N, C-alpha and C. Protein backbone atom coordinates (compact mmCIF):
# COMPACT_ATOMS: atom_id res chain seq x y z
N MET A 1 2.38 25.55 27.11
CA MET A 1 3.71 24.58 26.38
C MET A 1 2.75 23.87 25.45
N ASN A 2 3.07 24.00 24.26
CA ASN A 2 2.63 22.75 23.47
C ASN A 2 3.21 21.86 23.44
N LYS A 3 2.85 20.42 23.50
CA LYS A 3 3.15 19.01 23.79
C LYS A 3 3.74 18.92 22.66
N LYS A 4 4.82 18.12 22.45
CA LYS A 4 5.73 17.61 21.49
C LYS A 4 4.72 16.64 20.57
N SER A 5 4.05 15.65 21.32
CA SER A 5 3.12 14.85 20.69
C SER A 5 1.68 15.67 19.85
N SER A 6 0.85 16.25 20.46
CA SER A 6 0.45 17.44 19.80
C SER A 6 0.85 18.07 18.43
N ARG A 7 2.17 18.75 18.53
CA ARG A 7 2.72 19.32 17.71
C ARG A 7 2.45 18.47 16.37
N LEU A 8 3.15 17.28 16.70
CA LEU A 8 3.19 16.27 15.40
C LEU A 8 1.73 15.72 14.64
N LYS A 9 0.65 16.06 15.67
CA LYS A 9 -0.45 15.35 14.86
C LYS A 9 -0.68 15.72 13.75
N PRO A 10 -0.61 16.98 13.21
CA PRO A 10 -0.52 17.29 11.86
C PRO A 10 0.09 16.43 10.95
N ILE A 11 1.35 16.11 11.35
CA ILE A 11 2.12 15.72 10.29
C ILE A 11 1.94 14.09 10.21
N GLU A 12 1.79 13.66 11.20
CA GLU A 12 1.20 12.15 11.52
C GLU A 12 0.05 12.15 10.66
N LYS A 13 -0.85 13.09 10.39
CA LYS A 13 -2.51 12.78 10.01
C LYS A 13 -2.05 12.78 8.54
N LEU A 14 -1.19 13.92 7.90
CA LEU A 14 -0.26 13.79 6.41
C LEU A 14 0.11 12.30 6.14
N ALA A 15 0.94 12.33 7.00
CA ALA A 15 1.75 10.46 7.00
C ALA A 15 0.42 9.43 6.70
N GLU A 16 -0.40 9.50 7.78
CA GLU A 16 -1.70 9.07 7.06
C GLU A 16 -2.35 8.93 5.61
N ASP A 17 -2.45 9.91 5.48
CA ASP A 17 -3.40 10.74 4.13
C ASP A 17 -2.48 9.92 2.85
N LYS A 18 -1.28 9.96 3.05
CA LYS A 18 -0.41 9.70 1.83
C LYS A 18 -0.07 8.25 1.88
N GLU A 19 -0.32 7.36 2.86
CA GLU A 19 -0.45 5.80 2.85
C GLU A 19 -1.37 5.54 2.22
N LYS A 20 -2.62 6.15 2.78
CA LYS A 20 -4.03 5.72 2.36
C LYS A 20 -4.14 6.30 0.88
N SER A 21 -3.43 7.15 0.30
CA SER A 21 -3.09 7.68 -0.91
C SER A 21 -2.81 6.53 -1.86
N ALA A 22 -1.39 5.85 -1.26
CA ALA A 22 -0.25 4.90 -1.59
C ALA A 22 -1.22 3.72 -1.86
N ILE A 23 -1.74 3.45 -1.10
CA ILE A 23 -3.09 2.10 -0.73
C ILE A 23 -4.12 1.91 -2.27
N ALA A 24 -4.61 3.29 -2.50
CA ALA A 24 -5.39 3.43 -3.36
C ALA A 24 -4.87 3.22 -4.79
N GLU A 25 -3.43 3.85 -4.92
CA GLU A 25 -2.77 3.25 -6.24
C GLU A 25 -2.79 2.48 -6.38
N MET A 26 -2.37 1.45 -5.15
CA MET A 26 -1.56 -0.05 -5.25
C MET A 26 -2.89 -0.88 -5.43
N VAL A 27 -3.94 -0.75 -5.15
CA VAL A 27 -5.05 -1.56 -5.23
C VAL A 27 -5.56 -1.23 -6.56
N SER A 28 -5.61 0.26 -7.63
CA SER A 28 -5.57 0.43 -8.77
C SER A 28 -4.87 -0.43 -9.41
N ALA A 29 -3.62 -0.32 -9.36
CA ALA A 29 -2.22 -0.67 -10.39
C ALA A 29 -2.94 -2.36 -10.49
N ARG A 30 -3.01 -2.73 -9.20
CA ARG A 30 -3.20 -4.09 -9.06
C ARG A 30 -4.43 -5.27 -9.77
N ASN A 31 -5.46 -4.00 -9.84
CA ASN A 31 -6.40 -4.24 -10.48
C ASN A 31 -6.48 -4.41 -12.25
N THR A 32 -5.94 -3.07 -12.59
CA THR A 32 -5.31 -3.54 -13.72
C THR A 32 -4.09 -4.02 -14.17
N GLN A 33 -3.32 -4.51 -13.55
CA GLN A 33 -2.21 -5.58 -13.55
C GLN A 33 -3.49 -6.75 -14.37
N GLN A 34 -4.29 -7.16 -13.38
CA GLN A 34 -4.91 -8.36 -13.19
C GLN A 34 -5.87 -8.47 -14.65
N SER A 35 -6.78 -7.33 -14.94
CA SER A 35 -7.25 -7.29 -16.07
C SER A 35 -6.06 -7.06 -17.20
N GLN A 36 -5.22 -6.52 -17.41
CA GLN A 36 -4.10 -6.96 -18.23
C GLN A 36 -3.95 -8.50 -18.59
N GLN A 37 -3.81 -9.37 -17.77
CA GLN A 37 -3.51 -10.30 -17.66
C GLN A 37 -4.43 -11.14 -17.89
N GLN A 38 -5.62 -11.09 -17.80
CA GLN A 38 -7.21 -11.62 -18.00
C GLN A 38 -7.26 -11.58 -19.69
N LYS A 39 -6.97 -10.23 -20.24
CA LYS A 39 -6.90 -9.93 -21.70
C LYS A 39 -5.69 -10.86 -21.90
N LEU A 40 -4.73 -10.91 -21.64
CA LEU A 40 -3.68 -11.62 -22.33
C LEU A 40 -4.26 -13.23 -22.75
N ASN A 41 -4.74 -13.74 -21.21
CA ASN A 41 -5.27 -15.01 -21.30
C ASN A 41 -6.14 -15.28 -22.24
N ASP A 42 -7.24 -14.36 -22.47
CA ASP A 42 -8.59 -14.18 -23.33
C ASP A 42 -7.74 -14.73 -24.66
N LEU A 43 -6.89 -13.72 -25.05
CA LEU A 43 -6.02 -13.78 -26.38
C LEU A 43 -5.08 -15.01 -26.97
N MET A 44 -4.96 -15.34 -25.89
CA MET A 44 -3.87 -16.90 -26.12
C MET A 44 -5.18 -17.93 -26.29
N SER A 45 -5.98 -17.72 -25.23
CA SER A 45 -6.96 -19.10 -25.36
C SER A 45 -7.77 -18.88 -26.69
N TYR A 46 -8.56 -17.58 -27.20
CA TYR A 46 -8.61 -17.46 -28.59
C TYR A 46 -8.05 -17.91 -29.42
N ARG A 47 -6.65 -17.69 -29.45
CA ARG A 47 -5.96 -18.36 -30.69
C ARG A 47 -5.70 -20.09 -30.71
N PHE A 48 -5.26 -20.14 -29.44
CA PHE A 48 -5.59 -22.12 -29.39
C PHE A 48 -6.62 -22.66 -29.79
N GLU A 49 -7.55 -21.72 -29.80
CA GLU A 49 -9.09 -22.40 -30.33
C GLU A 49 -9.28 -22.00 -31.58
N TYR A 50 -8.48 -21.03 -32.41
CA TYR A 50 -8.56 -20.86 -33.40
C TYR A 50 -7.81 -21.62 -34.13
N ILE A 51 -6.34 -22.16 -33.95
CA ILE A 51 -5.64 -22.96 -34.60
C ILE A 51 -6.70 -24.47 -34.51
N GLU A 52 -7.33 -24.62 -33.20
CA GLU A 52 -8.13 -26.04 -33.26
C GLU A 52 -8.98 -26.05 -34.39
N GLN A 53 -9.85 -25.06 -34.53
CA GLN A 53 -10.45 -24.68 -35.63
C GLN A 53 -10.07 -24.93 -37.24
N PHE A 54 -8.83 -24.13 -37.39
CA PHE A 54 -7.81 -24.43 -38.75
C PHE A 54 -7.54 -25.82 -38.89
N GLN A 55 -7.22 -26.38 -37.52
CA GLN A 55 -6.59 -27.92 -38.18
C GLN A 55 -7.71 -28.98 -38.46
N SER A 56 -8.83 -28.89 -37.89
CA SER A 56 -9.97 -29.37 -37.70
C SER A 56 -10.79 -29.42 -38.98
N ARG A 57 -10.65 -27.80 -39.47
CA ARG A 57 -11.24 -27.52 -41.24
C ARG A 57 -9.94 -27.96 -42.20
N GLY A 58 -8.94 -27.78 -41.89
CA GLY A 58 -7.49 -28.44 -42.83
C GLY A 58 -7.75 -29.64 -42.82
N LYS A 59 -8.54 -31.00 -42.33
CA LYS A 59 -8.50 -32.17 -42.13
C LYS A 59 -9.20 -32.49 -43.33
N ASN A 60 -10.52 -31.67 -43.64
CA ASN A 60 -11.57 -31.92 -44.41
C ASN A 60 -10.88 -30.95 -46.09
N GLY A 61 -9.67 -30.25 -45.91
CA GLY A 61 -9.44 -29.79 -47.04
C GLY A 61 -10.09 -28.32 -47.06
N MET A 62 -9.40 -27.32 -47.48
CA MET A 62 -9.38 -25.78 -47.45
C MET A 62 -8.99 -25.14 -48.77
N GLN A 63 -9.58 -24.59 -49.13
CA GLN A 63 -9.01 -23.82 -50.46
C GLN A 63 -7.76 -23.03 -49.90
N SER A 64 -6.93 -22.70 -50.96
CA SER A 64 -5.75 -21.76 -50.37
C SER A 64 -6.11 -20.65 -49.88
N SER A 65 -7.18 -19.82 -49.98
CA SER A 65 -7.59 -18.33 -49.96
C SER A 65 -7.87 -18.77 -48.18
N GLN A 66 -8.43 -20.02 -48.04
CA GLN A 66 -9.12 -20.14 -46.51
C GLN A 66 -8.02 -20.40 -46.00
N VAL A 67 -6.66 -21.05 -46.46
CA VAL A 67 -5.78 -20.94 -45.55
C VAL A 67 -4.77 -19.89 -45.23
N GLN A 68 -4.95 -18.87 -46.58
CA GLN A 68 -4.07 -17.96 -46.16
C GLN A 68 -4.88 -17.03 -45.46
N GLN A 69 -6.04 -17.15 -45.38
CA GLN A 69 -7.21 -15.92 -44.41
C GLN A 69 -6.66 -16.41 -43.03
N TYR A 70 -6.48 -17.87 -42.65
CA TYR A 70 -6.51 -18.25 -41.36
C TYR A 70 -4.98 -17.98 -40.54
N GLN A 71 -4.05 -17.96 -41.41
CA GLN A 71 -2.43 -17.72 -41.06
C GLN A 71 -2.57 -16.01 -41.10
N GLN A 72 -3.32 -15.51 -41.85
CA GLN A 72 -3.12 -13.94 -41.74
C GLN A 72 -3.51 -13.71 -40.50
N PHE A 73 -4.68 -13.99 -39.91
CA PHE A 73 -5.88 -14.01 -39.02
C PHE A 73 -4.63 -14.46 -37.65
N ILE A 74 -4.33 -15.58 -37.85
CA ILE A 74 -3.04 -15.88 -36.73
C ILE A 74 -1.81 -15.11 -36.39
N SER A 75 -1.45 -14.43 -37.27
CA SER A 75 -0.74 -13.89 -37.46
C SER A 75 -1.29 -12.25 -36.81
N GLN A 76 -2.01 -11.95 -36.93
CA GLN A 76 -3.02 -10.88 -36.41
C GLN A 76 -3.06 -11.37 -34.81
N LEU A 77 -3.39 -12.43 -34.54
CA LEU A 77 -3.11 -12.53 -33.26
C LEU A 77 -2.23 -12.39 -32.21
N ASP A 78 -1.13 -13.33 -33.22
CA ASP A 78 0.33 -13.08 -32.21
C ASP A 78 0.53 -11.60 -32.32
N VAL A 79 0.85 -11.05 -33.05
CA VAL A 79 1.15 -9.16 -33.14
C VAL A 79 -0.07 -8.83 -31.85
N ALA A 80 -1.18 -9.07 -31.55
CA ALA A 80 -2.05 -8.39 -30.60
C ALA A 80 -1.48 -9.16 -29.49
N ILE A 81 -0.97 -10.57 -28.91
CA ILE A 81 -0.83 -10.89 -28.14
C ILE A 81 0.68 -10.27 -27.83
N ARG A 82 1.44 -10.37 -28.51
CA ARG A 82 2.80 -9.47 -28.07
C ARG A 82 2.86 -8.03 -27.65
N GLN A 83 1.70 -7.12 -28.19
CA GLN A 83 1.18 -5.90 -28.12
C GLN A 83 0.66 -6.18 -26.55
N GLN A 84 0.00 -7.01 -25.95
CA GLN A 84 -0.38 -7.58 -24.66
C GLN A 84 0.71 -7.87 -23.53
N GLU A 85 1.24 -8.52 -24.18
CA GLU A 85 2.67 -8.78 -23.37
C GLU A 85 3.08 -7.56 -22.56
N THR A 86 3.44 -6.55 -23.55
CA THR A 86 4.04 -5.66 -23.27
C THR A 86 3.27 -4.42 -22.88
N THR A 87 1.90 -4.54 -22.99
CA THR A 87 0.89 -4.03 -22.11
C THR A 87 1.02 -4.57 -20.51
N LEU A 88 1.18 -5.73 -20.35
CA LEU A 88 1.36 -6.73 -18.92
C LEU A 88 2.28 -6.11 -18.35
N GLU A 89 3.31 -6.12 -19.12
CA GLU A 89 4.85 -6.31 -18.51
C GLU A 89 4.67 -4.40 -17.72
N MET A 90 4.12 -3.24 -18.35
CA MET A 90 4.25 -2.49 -17.90
C MET A 90 3.02 -2.04 -17.11
N SER A 91 2.17 -2.81 -16.78
CA SER A 91 1.39 -2.90 -15.73
C SER A 91 2.21 -3.42 -14.41
N VAL A 92 2.31 -4.76 -14.90
CA VAL A 92 3.53 -5.41 -13.78
C VAL A 92 4.26 -4.05 -13.06
N LYS A 93 5.21 -3.41 -13.87
CA LYS A 93 6.34 -2.72 -13.57
C LYS A 93 5.20 -1.52 -12.52
N ILE A 94 4.73 -0.78 -13.06
CA ILE A 94 3.58 0.11 -12.47
C ILE A 94 3.10 -0.54 -11.19
N LEU A 95 2.61 -1.91 -11.08
CA LEU A 95 2.37 -2.54 -9.80
C LEU A 95 3.17 -2.48 -8.50
N ASP A 96 4.45 -2.97 -9.08
CA ASP A 96 5.69 -2.92 -8.61
C ASP A 96 6.19 -1.54 -7.97
N GLU A 97 5.86 -0.39 -8.59
CA GLU A 97 6.16 0.92 -8.25
C GLU A 97 5.39 1.12 -7.00
N SER A 98 4.09 1.05 -7.28
CA SER A 98 3.04 1.50 -6.19
C SER A 98 3.31 0.48 -5.31
N GLN A 99 3.77 -0.64 -5.13
CA GLN A 99 4.28 -1.45 -3.96
C GLN A 99 4.99 -0.56 -3.17
N ASN A 100 6.12 -0.44 -4.17
CA ASN A 100 7.49 0.06 -3.18
C ASN A 100 7.11 1.80 -2.73
N LYS A 101 5.82 2.31 -3.00
CA LYS A 101 5.82 3.19 -2.58
C LYS A 101 5.28 3.47 -1.69
N TRP A 102 3.91 2.63 -1.88
CA TRP A 102 3.19 1.90 -0.03
C TRP A 102 3.80 1.59 0.83
N ARG A 103 4.90 0.92 0.49
CA ARG A 103 6.23 0.17 1.65
C ARG A 103 7.02 1.57 2.00
N ASP A 104 7.19 2.28 1.31
CA ASP A 104 8.03 3.87 1.94
C ASP A 104 6.87 4.46 2.57
N LYS A 105 5.97 4.79 2.22
CA LYS A 105 4.68 5.69 2.89
C LYS A 105 4.36 5.02 4.25
N ASN A 106 3.89 3.56 4.29
CA ASN A 106 3.78 2.94 5.49
C ASN A 106 4.72 2.95 6.24
N SER A 107 6.50 2.87 5.97
CA SER A 107 7.00 2.72 7.06
C SER A 107 7.45 3.96 7.52
N HIS A 108 7.19 4.98 7.06
CA HIS A 108 7.24 6.76 7.23
C HIS A 108 6.72 6.81 8.03
N LYS A 109 5.19 6.56 8.23
CA LYS A 109 4.33 6.31 8.93
C LYS A 109 4.46 5.88 10.52
N ARG A 110 4.60 4.50 10.47
CA ARG A 110 4.96 3.98 11.23
C ARG A 110 5.99 4.38 12.27
N ALA A 111 7.19 4.66 11.50
CA ALA A 111 8.02 5.79 12.06
C ALA A 111 7.84 6.94 12.80
N LEU A 112 7.10 7.76 12.36
CA LEU A 112 6.15 8.84 13.04
C LEU A 112 5.49 8.31 14.12
N ASN A 113 4.68 7.49 13.91
CA ASN A 113 3.80 7.01 14.93
C ASN A 113 4.64 6.82 16.14
N LYS A 114 5.72 5.76 16.11
CA LYS A 114 6.82 5.47 17.01
C LYS A 114 7.23 6.59 17.79
N VAL A 115 7.55 8.02 17.12
CA VAL A 115 8.13 8.84 17.81
C VAL A 115 6.89 9.79 18.62
N VAL A 116 5.84 9.80 17.90
CA VAL A 116 4.64 10.43 18.84
C VAL A 116 4.39 9.30 19.82
N ARG A 117 4.01 8.21 19.78
CA ARG A 117 4.19 7.42 21.40
C ARG A 117 5.05 7.62 22.44
N ARG A 118 6.59 7.69 21.68
CA ARG A 118 7.57 7.72 22.76
C ARG A 118 7.52 9.17 23.62
N TYR A 119 7.14 10.16 22.22
CA TYR A 119 6.73 11.86 23.28
C TYR A 119 5.35 11.80 24.20
N LYS A 120 4.43 10.81 23.68
CA LYS A 120 3.21 10.87 24.83
C LYS A 120 3.82 10.12 25.91
N SER A 121 4.95 8.99 26.18
CA SER A 121 5.33 8.34 26.81
C SER A 121 6.03 9.14 27.93
N GLU A 122 6.92 9.94 27.12
CA GLU A 122 8.04 11.01 27.65
C GLU A 122 6.60 12.30 28.54
N GLU A 123 5.71 12.51 28.06
CA GLU A 123 4.92 13.60 28.66
C GLU A 123 4.26 12.79 29.55
N PHE A 124 3.43 11.69 29.52
CA PHE A 124 2.91 10.93 30.73
C PHE A 124 4.11 11.17 31.80
N ARG A 125 5.13 10.56 31.49
CA ARG A 125 5.80 10.26 32.81
C ARG A 125 6.12 11.36 33.57
N ALA A 126 6.78 12.68 32.46
CA ALA A 126 7.05 13.91 32.86
C ALA A 126 5.72 14.41 33.77
N LEU A 127 4.43 14.16 33.48
CA LEU A 127 3.14 14.50 33.90
C LEU A 127 3.00 14.26 35.90
N GLU A 128 3.25 12.49 35.59
CA GLU A 128 3.49 11.27 37.11
C GLU A 128 4.22 12.00 38.07
N LYS A 129 5.44 13.06 37.12
CA LYS A 129 6.68 12.98 38.54
C LYS A 129 6.23 14.49 38.88
N THR A 130 5.47 15.21 38.38
CA THR A 130 4.70 16.45 38.70
C THR A 130 3.71 16.20 39.61
N GLU A 131 2.93 15.38 39.64
CA GLU A 131 2.42 15.29 40.32
C GLU A 131 2.59 14.48 41.64
N GLN A 132 3.52 13.63 41.37
CA GLN A 132 4.28 12.70 42.48
C GLN A 132 5.06 14.05 43.43
N ASN A 133 5.67 14.92 43.03
CA ASN A 133 6.47 15.98 43.60
C ASN A 133 5.18 16.55 44.20
N ALA A 134 4.21 16.96 43.75
CA ALA A 134 2.87 18.04 43.96
C ALA A 134 2.70 17.37 45.55
N VAL A 135 2.43 16.08 45.36
CA VAL A 135 2.14 15.37 46.53
C VAL A 135 3.18 14.98 47.35
N ASP A 136 4.29 15.18 47.42
CA ASP A 136 5.53 14.86 48.20
C ASP A 136 5.14 16.25 48.95
N GLU A 137 5.14 17.32 48.32
CA GLU A 137 5.43 18.86 48.55
C GLU A 137 4.40 18.88 49.48
N GLN A 138 2.71 18.49 49.06
CA GLN A 138 1.64 18.38 49.89
C GLN A 138 2.07 17.85 51.25
N ASN A 139 2.48 16.58 51.02
CA ASN A 139 2.55 15.73 52.57
C ASN A 139 3.98 16.29 53.53
N THR A 140 5.11 16.83 52.74
CA THR A 140 6.08 17.56 53.59
C THR A 140 5.29 18.85 54.45
N GLN A 141 4.27 19.37 53.25
CA GLN A 141 3.97 20.69 54.36
C GLN A 141 2.94 20.50 55.55
N LYS A 142 2.45 18.64 55.41
CA LYS A 142 1.69 18.83 56.17
C LYS A 142 2.10 17.87 57.93
N TYR A 143 3.50 17.22 57.32
CA TYR A 143 4.57 16.86 58.30
C TYR A 143 5.39 18.09 59.16
N ASN A 144 5.56 19.23 58.27
CA ASN A 144 6.03 20.13 58.92
C ASN A 144 5.50 21.05 59.90
N GLN A 145 4.03 21.16 59.06
CA GLN A 145 3.00 21.73 60.36
C GLN A 145 2.46 21.07 61.14
N LYS A 146 2.15 19.92 61.38
CA LYS A 146 2.19 18.79 62.74
C LYS A 146 3.44 18.80 63.39
N ASN A 147 4.51 18.95 63.00
CA ASN A 147 5.86 19.28 63.91
C ASN A 147 5.53 20.48 64.25
N ARG A 148 5.38 21.62 64.14
CA ARG A 148 5.27 22.65 64.39
C ARG A 148 4.27 22.87 65.69
N GLU A 149 3.33 22.28 65.58
CA GLU A 149 1.83 21.98 66.25
C GLU A 149 2.22 20.99 67.51
N ASN A 150 2.85 20.31 67.11
CA ASN A 150 3.44 19.62 68.10
C ASN A 150 4.69 20.26 69.34
N ASN A 151 5.48 20.84 68.48
CA ASN A 151 6.52 21.60 69.45
C ASN A 151 5.88 22.88 70.24
N SER A 152 4.88 23.42 69.63
CA SER A 152 4.29 24.66 70.53
C SER A 152 4.23 24.16 71.79
C-alpha cells in the first residue's frame, strides 16, 4: 500500500518549485523597482543641479535665448521625471503583486508540508502500533507455550 505521505511528495515538490519561482519573480521585481527609483532620484538630482546652474548664470546676466533654452530643457526634465514617476509606480505595483503571489505560494507550501508531516506522524504511530501488536502476540505465544509446557 502506498503511504499517503509518499503520494503527496510530487505535489509537495511542485509547491516548492512554484514558491521558488515566485521568489525569483519577487527578487527581480524588487531589483527593477530599486533601479527605477534610482533613475528617478538621478533625474531629480540632475534637475536640481541644472536649476542651480541656471540661477548662478542668471545672476551674471543671460541672453533671452539662453534663458529660453534653460527653461525648455527644465520642461523636458519635468516631462522625463513625470514619465519616470509613472514607470516607478508601475514597478511598485508589480513588486506588490509578486509579493502577494509569493505569500500565496508560501502559504500553500507550508499547508501542504503540515499535511505531509501529519500523515507521516500517523504512519509512524500506525507502524509503532503494528510492531507493538507483533511483540505482544509473540509474548502471548511464548507465555501460552510456557504454560502448556508447565501443565504437561
